[in-house]
Protein backbone atom coordinates (compact mmCIF):
# COMPACT_ATOMS: atom_id res chain seq x y z
CA MET A 1 186.57 92.33 59.67
CA LEU A 2 183.24 91.12 60.27
CA ILE A 3 181.32 89.05 57.39
CA PRO A 4 177.71 89.54 57.12
CA MET A 5 175.70 86.13 57.13
CA GLU A 6 172.14 85.58 56.20
CA ASN A 7 171.00 84.88 59.78
CA ASN A 8 172.18 88.30 60.89
CA LYS A 9 174.98 87.22 62.64
CA CYS A 10 178.78 88.17 61.96
CA TYR A 11 181.70 86.33 61.88
CA ASN A 12 185.52 87.22 61.65
CA GLU A 13 187.24 86.08 58.60
CA ASN A 14 190.63 87.12 57.36
CA PRO A 15 191.77 90.81 56.77
CA ASP A 16 190.76 90.53 53.20
CA LEU A 17 187.39 91.77 54.21
CA LYS A 18 184.82 91.58 51.34
CA ILE A 19 183.69 95.10 51.27
CA GLN A 20 181.08 94.74 48.37
CA GLU A 21 178.98 92.45 50.79
CA TRP A 22 178.39 95.33 53.30
CA LEU A 23 177.24 97.94 50.81
CA SER A 24 173.77 96.92 51.34
CA TYR A 25 174.36 97.63 55.09
CA GLN A 26 175.80 101.09 54.91
CA LYS A 27 173.10 103.01 55.77
CA ILE A 28 172.17 101.05 58.80
CA LEU A 29 175.68 101.06 59.95
CA GLU A 30 175.95 104.74 59.67
CA ARG A 31 172.67 105.04 61.58
CA VAL A 32 174.10 102.73 64.46
CA ILE A 33 177.17 104.69 64.60
CA LYS A 34 175.42 107.85 64.82
CA ARG A 35 173.18 106.47 67.67
CA ILE A 36 176.08 105.05 69.74
CA THR A 37 178.68 107.91 69.37
CA GLY A 38 176.52 111.12 68.28
CA LYS A 39 178.79 111.46 65.33
CA SER A 40 178.75 110.85 61.64
CA SER A 41 181.11 107.84 60.40
CA LEU A 42 183.25 110.12 58.54
CA GLU A 43 183.94 112.15 61.99
CA CYS A 44 184.47 108.76 63.97
CA LEU A 45 187.03 107.89 61.24
CA LYS A 46 188.76 111.01 61.45
CA GLU A 47 189.27 110.83 64.99
CA ASP A 48 190.52 107.27 64.95
CA VAL A 49 193.13 108.41 62.37
CA LYS A 50 194.14 111.25 64.56
CA ASN A 51 194.32 108.65 67.57
CA LEU A 52 196.33 106.41 65.31
CA PHE A 53 198.83 109.38 64.68
CA ILE A 54 198.85 110.14 68.33
CA ASN A 55 199.98 106.64 69.05
CA CYS A 56 202.44 106.13 66.46
CA THR A 57 204.13 109.43 67.50
CA HIS A 58 204.33 108.48 71.12
CA CYS A 59 205.29 104.77 70.15
CA ASN A 60 202.06 103.53 72.03
CA TYR A 61 202.10 100.02 70.67
CA GLU A 62 200.71 98.20 73.45
CA GLY A 63 198.68 95.33 72.34
CA VAL A 64 199.73 95.67 68.43
CA SER A 65 201.16 92.63 66.78
CA LYS A 66 204.21 92.99 64.58
CA SER A 67 202.23 92.02 61.55
CA GLU A 68 199.84 94.95 62.35
CA LEU A 69 202.94 97.10 62.99
CA GLU A 70 203.95 96.38 59.41
CA LYS A 71 200.53 97.10 57.82
CA ILE A 72 200.29 100.28 59.97
CA ALA A 73 203.69 101.51 58.63
CA THR A 74 202.69 101.16 54.90
CA LEU A 75 199.56 102.70 55.62
CA LEU A 76 200.69 106.09 57.62
CA PRO A 77 202.17 107.63 54.38
CA HIS A 78 198.68 107.36 52.59
CA LEU A 79 196.62 108.69 55.73
CA MET A 80 198.96 111.84 55.97
CA LEU A 81 198.14 112.73 52.60
CA VAL A 82 194.37 111.79 53.06
CA TYR A 83 194.12 113.32 56.54
CA PRO A 84 196.57 116.04 57.16
CA GLU A 85 194.62 118.22 59.40
CA GLU A 86 194.68 114.96 61.79
CA TYR A 87 198.31 114.52 61.16
CA LYS A 88 199.09 118.09 62.13
CA LEU A 89 197.06 117.91 65.01
CA ALA A 90 198.84 114.79 66.27
CA LEU A 91 202.13 116.35 65.58
CA GLU A 92 201.02 119.34 67.57
CA ILE A 93 200.15 117.16 70.41
CA TYR A 94 203.45 115.38 70.07
CA ASN A 95 205.51 118.53 70.24
CA SER A 96 203.66 119.72 73.29
CA SER A 97 204.10 116.52 75.35
CA PRO A 98 206.66 115.89 77.94
CA LYS A 99 209.70 114.46 76.53
CA ARG A 100 209.30 110.92 78.85
CA ASN A 101 206.00 110.68 76.66
CA ARG A 102 208.02 111.05 73.41
CA ILE A 103 209.62 109.27 70.73
CA LYS A 104 213.42 108.38 72.13
């Protein structure tokens, strides 16, 4: 959601992120992610997707707005196709969780 500016500061604009503006920062962002997390950006993305699946299966929507939930709902089927292993792991966690933590 951040838009790069010439003064090396960023500001938050609307959700229509201008991806092209970030292409020149890709290598720097990769290094920052690796330094902070010890993982590649792809590893972090897969972990985030898995956590999204887990939160959705457990109906953990705390702090998520209605408009964000609507966007997530349209995105989930695509993520399931692109990240089937992460979806499978989330389902395994869901199926092994106590019933009180599961979807009603």
